[in-house]
Amino acid sequence: MILSIIIFGAVFLEIWLYRKLEKIKEVNTRKRMLDLIRTDLRRKIRFINDSSEYKDYKPFFTDV
């Protein structure tokens, strides 16, 4: 009886830790994706503002 409780507890703890690590990875991935999108949008807005300020209109995706 005690052995089954120990085994069940160990399995439960392992599954709980795995789910927690997966959730942390998912949150970090989401943060990195949002940061990448924000950075890209800021660059594009700056590119548009510079183009309109200097009247130098170029195709949108030439800022690479």
PDB file of N, CA and C in Angstrom:
ATOM      1  N   MET A   1       0.827  -1.194   0.000  1.00  0.00           N
ATOM      2  CA  MET A   1       0.000   0.000   0.000  1.00  0.00           C
ATOM      3  C   MET A   1       0.868   1.254   0.000  1.00  0.00           C
ATOM      4  N   ILE A   2       1.845   1.292   0.903  1.00  0.00           N
ATOM      5  CA  ILE A   2       2.718   2.465   0.995  1.00  0.00           C
ATOM      6  C   ILE A   2       3.550   2.605  -0.281  1.00  0.00           C
ATOM      7  N   LEU A   3       3.982   1.462  -0.817  1.00  0.00           N
ATOM      8  CA  LEU A   3       4.777   1.489  -2.052  1.00  0.00           C
ATOM      9  C   LEU A   3       3.958   2.068  -3.204  1.00  0.00           C
ATOM     10  N   SER A   4       2.706   1.714  -3.281  1.00  0.00           N
ATOM     11  CA  SER A   4       1.861   2.248  -4.365  1.00  0.00           C
ATOM     12  C   SER A   4       1.660   3.755  -4.205  1.00  0.00           C
ATOM     13  N   ILE A   5       1.544   4.233  -2.982  1.00  0.00           N
ATOM     14  CA  ILE A   5       1.407   5.673  -2.745  1.00  0.00           C
ATOM     15  C   ILE A   5       2.679   6.401  -3.157  1.00  0.00           C
ATOM     16  N   ILE A   6       3.830   5.824  -2.837  1.00  0.00           N
ATOM     17  CA  ILE A   6       5.114   6.433  -3.213  1.00  0.00           C
ATOM     18  C   ILE A   6       5.256   6.476  -4.729  1.00  0.00           C
ATOM     19  N   ILE A   7       4.930   5.390  -5.395  1.00  0.00           N
ATOM     20  CA  ILE A   7       5.035   5.339  -6.861  1.00  0.00           C
ATOM     21  C   ILE A   7       4.063   6.335  -7.495  1.00  0.00           C
ATOM     22  N   PHE A   8       2.826   6.351  -7.012  1.00  0.00           N
ATOM     23  CA  PHE A   8       1.836   7.291  -7.536  1.00  0.00           C
ATOM     24  C   PHE A   8       2.298   8.732  -7.325  1.00  0.00           C
ATOM     25  N   GLY A   9       2.830   9.041  -6.154  1.00  0.00           N
ATOM     26  CA  GLY A   9       3.327  10.380  -5.860  1.00  0.00           C
ATOM     27  C   GLY A   9       4.477  10.774  -6.769  1.00  0.00           C
ATOM     28  N   ALA A  10       5.378   9.827  -7.020  1.00  0.00           N
ATOM     29  CA  ALA A  10       6.522  10.109  -7.888  1.00  0.00           C
ATOM     30  C   ALA A  10       6.062  10.378  -9.322  1.00  0.00           C
ATOM     31  N   VAL A  11       5.122   9.588  -9.798  1.00  0.00           N
ATOM     32  CA  VAL A  11       4.607   9.774 -11.159  1.00  0.00           C
ATOM     33  C   VAL A  11       3.857  11.102 -11.251  1.00  0.00           C
ATOM     34  N   PHE A  12       3.041  11.391 -10.258  1.00  0.00           N
ATOM     35  CA  PHE A  12       2.297  12.648 -10.238  1.00  0.00           C
ATOM     36  C   PHE A  12       3.253  13.838 -10.244  1.00  0.00           C
ATOM     37  N   LEU A  13       4.299  13.771  -9.415  1.00  0.00           N
ATOM     38  CA  LEU A  13       5.284  14.855  -9.349  1.00  0.00           C
ATOM     39  C   LEU A  13       6.005  15.029 -10.676  1.00  0.00           C
ATOM     40  N   GLU A  14       6.369  13.920 -11.319  1.00  0.00           N
ATOM     41  CA  GLU A  14       7.059  13.995 -12.604  1.00  0.00           C
ATOM     42  C   GLU A  14       6.170  14.627 -13.678  1.00  0.00           C
ATOM     43  N   ILE A  15       4.905  14.229 -13.723  1.00  0.00           N
ATOM     44  CA  ILE A  15       3.972  14.797 -14.704  1.00  0.00           C
ATOM     45  C   ILE A  15       3.737  16.272 -14.422  1.00  0.00           C
ATOM     46  N   TRP A  16       3.600  16.627 -13.167  1.00  0.00           N
ATOM     47  CA  TRP A  16       3.381  18.025 -12.787  1.00  0.00           C
ATOM     48  C   TRP A  16       4.569  18.891 -13.187  1.00  0.00           C
ATOM     49  N   LEU A  17       5.788  18.398 -12.914  1.00  0.00           N
ATOM     50  CA  LEU A  17       6.989  19.164 -13.298  1.00  0.00           C
ATOM     51  C   LEU A  17       7.097  19.305 -14.814  1.00  0.00           C
ATOM     52  N   TYR A  18       6.772  18.234 -15.547  1.00  0.00           N
ATOM     53  CA  TYR A  18       6.830  18.287 -17.011  1.00  0.00           C
ATOM     54  C   TYR A  18       5.850  19.329 -17.546  1.00  0.00           C
ATOM     55  N   ARG A  19       4.627  19.327 -17.018  1.00  0.00           N
ATOM     56  CA  ARG A  19       3.634  20.311 -17.470  1.00  0.00           C
ATOM     57  C   ARG A  19       4.068  21.727 -17.132  1.00  0.00           C
ATOM     58  N   LYS A  20       4.650  21.913 -15.965  1.00  0.00           N
ATOM     59  CA  LYS A  20       5.113  23.240 -15.563  1.00  0.00           C
ATOM     60  C   LYS A  20       6.228  23.721 -16.489  1.00  0.00           C
ATOM     61  N   LEU A  21       7.183  22.843 -16.818  1.00  0.00           N
ATOM     62  CA  LEU A  21       8.264  23.222 -17.726  1.00  0.00           C
ATOM     63  C   LEU A  21       7.731  23.535 -19.124  1.00  0.00           C
ATOM     64  N   GLU A  22       6.765  22.759 -19.601  1.00  0.00           N
ATOM     65  CA  GLU A  22       6.175  23.032 -20.913  1.00  0.00           C
ATOM     66  C   GLU A  22       5.464  24.382 -20.927  1.00  0.00           C
ATOM     67  N   LYS A  23       4.778  24.695 -19.846  1.00  0.00           N
ATOM     68  CA  LYS A  23       4.078  25.978 -19.770  1.00  0.00           C
ATOM     69  C   LYS A  23       5.077  27.134 -19.768  1.00  0.00           C
ATOM     70  N   ILE A  24       6.186  26.977 -19.052  1.00  0.00           N
ATOM     71  CA  ILE A  24       7.225  28.011 -19.022  1.00  0.00           C
ATOM     72  C   ILE A  24       7.823  28.195 -20.418  1.00  0.00           C
ATOM     73  N   LYS A  25       8.092  27.089 -21.107  1.00  0.00           N
ATOM     74  CA  LYS A  25       8.628  27.176 -22.469  1.00  0.00           C
ATOM     75  C   LYS A  25       7.649  27.889 -23.398  1.00  0.00           C
ATOM     76  N   GLU A  26       6.361  27.565 -23.255  1.00  0.00           N
ATOM     77  CA  GLU A  26       5.343  28.186 -24.095  1.00  0.00           C
ATOM     78  C   GLU A  26       5.261  29.686 -23.842  1.00  0.00           C
ATOM     79  N   VAL A  27       5.320  30.089 -22.589  1.00  0.00           N
ATOM     80  CA  VAL A  27       5.269  31.509 -22.246  1.00  0.00           C
ATOM     81  C   VAL A  27       6.495  32.223 -22.811  1.00  0.00           C
ATOM     82  N   ASN A  28       7.677  31.608 -22.677  1.00  0.00           N
ATOM     83  CA  ASN A  28       8.895  32.231 -23.205  1.00  0.00           C
ATOM     84  C   ASN A  28       8.854  32.345 -24.723  1.00  0.00           C
ATOM     85  N   THR A  29       8.338  31.316 -25.381  1.00  0.00           N
ATOM     86  CA  THR A  29       8.214  31.365 -26.838  1.00  0.00           C
ATOM     87  C   THR A  29       7.259  32.471 -27.257  1.00  0.00           C
ATOM     88  N   ARG A  30       6.141  32.593 -26.547  1.00  0.00           N
ATOM     89  CA  ARG A  30       5.176  33.651 -26.849  1.00  0.00           C
ATOM     90  C   ARG A  30       5.802  35.029 -26.658  1.00  0.00           C
ATOM     91  N   LYS A  31       6.569  35.200 -25.573  1.00  0.00           N
ATOM     92  CA  LYS A  31       7.223  36.487 -25.328  1.00  0.00           C
ATOM     93  C   LYS A  31       8.212  36.820 -26.430  1.00  0.00           C
ATOM     94  N   ARG A  32       9.002  35.815 -26.844  1.00  0.00           N
ATOM     95  CA  ARG A  32       9.977  36.062 -27.919  1.00  0.00           C
ATOM     96  C   ARG A  32       9.295  36.411 -29.226  1.00  0.00           C
ATOM     97  N   MET A  33       8.192  35.731 -29.534  1.00  0.00           N
ATOM     98  CA  MET A  33       7.471  36.034 -30.773  1.00  0.00           C
ATOM     99  C   MET A  33       6.900  37.448 -30.743  1.00  0.00           C
ATOM    100  N   LEU A  34       6.301  37.818 -29.625  1.00  0.00           N
ATOM    101  CA  LEU A  34       5.749  39.168 -29.514  1.00  0.00           C
ATOM    102  C   LEU A  34       6.840  40.229 -29.586  1.00  0.00           C
ATOM    103  N   ASP A  35       7.982  39.951 -28.986  1.00  0.00           N
ATOM    104  CA  ASP A  35       9.102  40.895 -29.049  1.00  0.00           C
ATOM    105  C   ASP A  35       9.603  41.042 -30.485  1.00  0.00           C
ATOM    106  N   LEU A  36       9.676  39.939 -31.190  1.00  0.00           N
ATOM    107  CA  LEU A  36      10.101  39.981 -32.598  1.00  0.00           C
ATOM    108  C   LEU A  36       9.114  40.784 -33.434  1.00  0.00           C
ATOM    109  N   ILE A  37       7.835  40.575 -33.210  1.00  0.00           N
ATOM    110  CA  ILE A  37       6.810  41.315 -33.958  1.00  0.00           C
ATOM    111  C   ILE A  37       6.881  42.800 -33.628  1.00  0.00           C
ATOM    112  N   ARG A  38       7.021  43.132 -32.330  1.00  0.00           N
ATOM    113  CA  ARG A  38       7.126  44.545 -31.933  1.00  0.00           C
ATOM    114  C   ARG A  38       8.336  45.208 -32.581  1.00  0.00           C
ATOM    115  N   THR A  39       9.470  44.536 -32.535  1.00  0.00           N
ATOM    116  CA  THR A  39      10.688  45.089 -33.120  1.00  0.00           C
ATOM    117  C   THR A  39      10.523  45.310 -34.618  1.00  0.00           C
ATOM    118  N   ASP A  40       9.945  44.332 -35.294  1.00  0.00           N
ATOM    119  CA  ASP A  40       9.738  44.454 -36.733  1.00  0.00           C
ATOM    120  C   ASP A  40       8.799  45.615 -37.058  1.00  0.00           C
ATOM    121  N   LEU A  41       7.720  45.741 -36.299  1.00  0.00           N
ATOM    122  CA  LEU A  41       6.781  46.840 -36.553  1.00  0.00           C
ATOM    123  C   LEU A  41       7.414  48.201 -36.267  1.00  0.00           C
ATOM    124  N   ARG A  42       8.221  48.293 -35.226  1.00  0.00           N
ATOM    125  CA  ARG A  42       8.914  49.559 -34.945  1.00  0.00           C
ATOM    126  C   ARG A  42       9.856  49.934 -36.084  1.00  0.00           C
ATOM    127  N   ARG A  43      10.572  48.950 -36.609  1.00  0.00           N
ATOM    128  CA  ARG A  43      11.480  49.219 -37.736  1.00  0.00           C
ATOM    129  C   ARG A  43      10.697  49.687 -38.960  1.00  0.00           C
ATOM    130  N   LYS A  44       9.573  49.050 -39.206  1.00  0.00           N
ATOM    131  CA  LYS A  44       8.778  49.438 -40.379  1.00  0.00           C
ATOM    132  C   LYS A  44       8.186  50.828 -40.204  1.00  0.00           C
ATOM    133  N   ILE A  45       7.727  51.137 -38.999  1.00  0.00           N
ATOM    134  CA  ILE A  45       7.189  52.483 -38.744  1.00  0.00           C
ATOM    135  C   ILE A  45       8.291  53.520 -38.900  1.00  0.00           C
ATOM    136  N   ARG A  46       9.475  53.232 -38.376  1.00  0.00           N
ATOM    137  CA  ARG A  46      10.598  54.162 -38.534  1.00  0.00           C
ATOM    138  C   ARG A  46      10.948  54.339 -40.005  1.00  0.00           C
ATOM    139  N   PHE A  47      10.923  53.240 -40.756  1.00  0.00           N
ATOM    140  CA  PHE A  47      11.204  53.296 -42.185  1.00  0.00           C
ATOM    141  C   PHE A  47      10.180  54.168 -42.901  1.00  0.00           C
ATOM    142  N   ILE A  48       8.913  54.002 -42.563  1.00  0.00           N
ATOM    143  CA  ILE A  48       7.853  54.804 -43.182  1.00  0.00           C
ATOM    144  C   ILE A  48       8.012  56.274 -42.810  1.00  0.00           C
ATOM    145  N   ASN A  49       8.282  56.538 -41.544  1.00  0.00           N
ATOM    146  CA  ASN A  49       8.468  57.927 -41.111  1.00  0.00           C
ATOM    147  C   ASN A  49       9.667  58.573 -41.800  1.00  0.00           C
ATOM    148  N   ASP A  50      10.768  57.853 -41.910  1.00  0.00           N
ATOM    149  CA  ASP A  50      11.943  58.393 -42.618  1.00  0.00           C
ATOM    150  C   ASP A  50      11.634  58.631 -44.086  1.00  0.00           C
ATOM    151  N   SER A  51      10.900  57.722 -44.691  1.00  0.00           N
ATOM    152  CA  SER A  51      10.549  57.881 -46.104  1.00  0.00           C
ATOM    153  C   SER A  51       9.684  59.113 -46.312  1.00  0.00           C
ATOM    154  N   SER A  52       8.736  59.328 -45.429  1.00  0.00           N
ATOM    155  CA  SER A  52       7.867  60.497 -45.598  1.00  0.00           C
ATOM    156  C   SER A  52       8.598  61.791 -45.228  1.00  0.00           C
ATOM    157  N   GLU A  53       9.514  61.719 -44.269  1.00  0.00           N
ATOM    158  CA  GLU A  53      10.249  62.921 -43.864  1.00  0.00           C
ATOM    159  C   GLU A  53      11.192  63.390 -44.964  1.00  0.00           C
ATOM    160  N   TYR A  54      11.898  62.460 -45.580  1.00  0.00           N
ATOM    161  CA  TYR A  54      12.880  62.831 -46.600  1.00  0.00           C
ATOM    162  C   TYR A  54      12.325  62.741 -48.016  1.00  0.00           C
ATOM    163  N   LYS A  55      11.042  62.460 -48.133  1.00  0.00           N
ATOM    164  CA  LYS A  55      10.385  62.335 -49.443  1.00  0.00           C
ATOM    165  C   LYS A  55      11.118  61.331 -50.338  1.00  0.00           C
ATOM    166  N   ASP A  56      11.624  60.311 -49.689  1.00  0.00           N
ATOM    167  CA  ASP A  56      12.365  59.271 -50.385  1.00  0.00           C
ATOM    168  C   ASP A  56      11.532  57.989 -50.338  1.00  0.00           C
ATOM    169  N   TYR A  57      10.577  57.887 -51.225  1.00  0.00           N
ATOM    170  CA  TYR A  57       9.650  56.756 -51.190  1.00  0.00           C
ATOM    171  C   TYR A  57      10.272  55.563 -51.907  1.00  0.00           C
ATOM    172  N   LYS A  58      10.391  54.484 -51.163  1.00  0.00           N
ATOM    173  CA  LYS A  58      10.962  53.254 -51.703  1.00  0.00           C
ATOM    174  C   LYS A  58       9.945  52.124 -51.502  1.00  0.00           C
ATOM    175  N   PRO A  59      10.173  51.019 -52.185  1.00  0.00           N
ATOM    176  CA  PRO A  59       9.326  49.862 -51.880  1.00  0.00           C
ATOM    177  C   PRO A  59       9.472  49.480 -50.402  1.00  0.00           C
ATOM    178  N   PHE A  60       8.412  48.963 -49.856  1.00  0.00           N
ATOM    179  CA  PHE A  60       8.334  48.764 -48.399  1.00  0.00           C
ATOM    180  C   PHE A  60       9.354  47.765 -47.868  1.00  0.00           C
ATOM    181  N   PHE A  61       9.640  46.696 -48.590  1.00  0.00           N
ATOM    182  CA  PHE A  61      10.490  45.646 -48.048  1.00  0.00           C
ATOM    183  C   PHE A  61      11.944  45.759 -48.462  1.00  0.00           C
ATOM    184  N   THR A  62      12.424  46.971 -48.719  1.00  0.00           N
ATOM    185  CA  THR A  62      13.835  47.129 -49.084  1.00  0.00           C
ATOM    186  C   THR A  62      14.673  47.557 -47.887  1.00  0.00           C
ATOM    187  N   ASP A  63      14.122  47.543 -46.693  1.00  0.00           N
ATOM    188  CA  ASP A  63      14.873  47.974 -45.520  1.00  0.00           C
ATOM    189  C   ASP A  63      15.651  46.846 -44.862  1.00  0.00           C
ATOM    190  N   VAL A  64      15.850  45.761 -45.544  1.00  0.00           N
ATOM    191  CA  VAL A  64      16.537  44.589 -44.969  1.00  0.00           C
ATOM    192  C   VAL A  64      18.008  44.852 -44.850  1.00  0.00           C
TER     193      VAL A  64
END
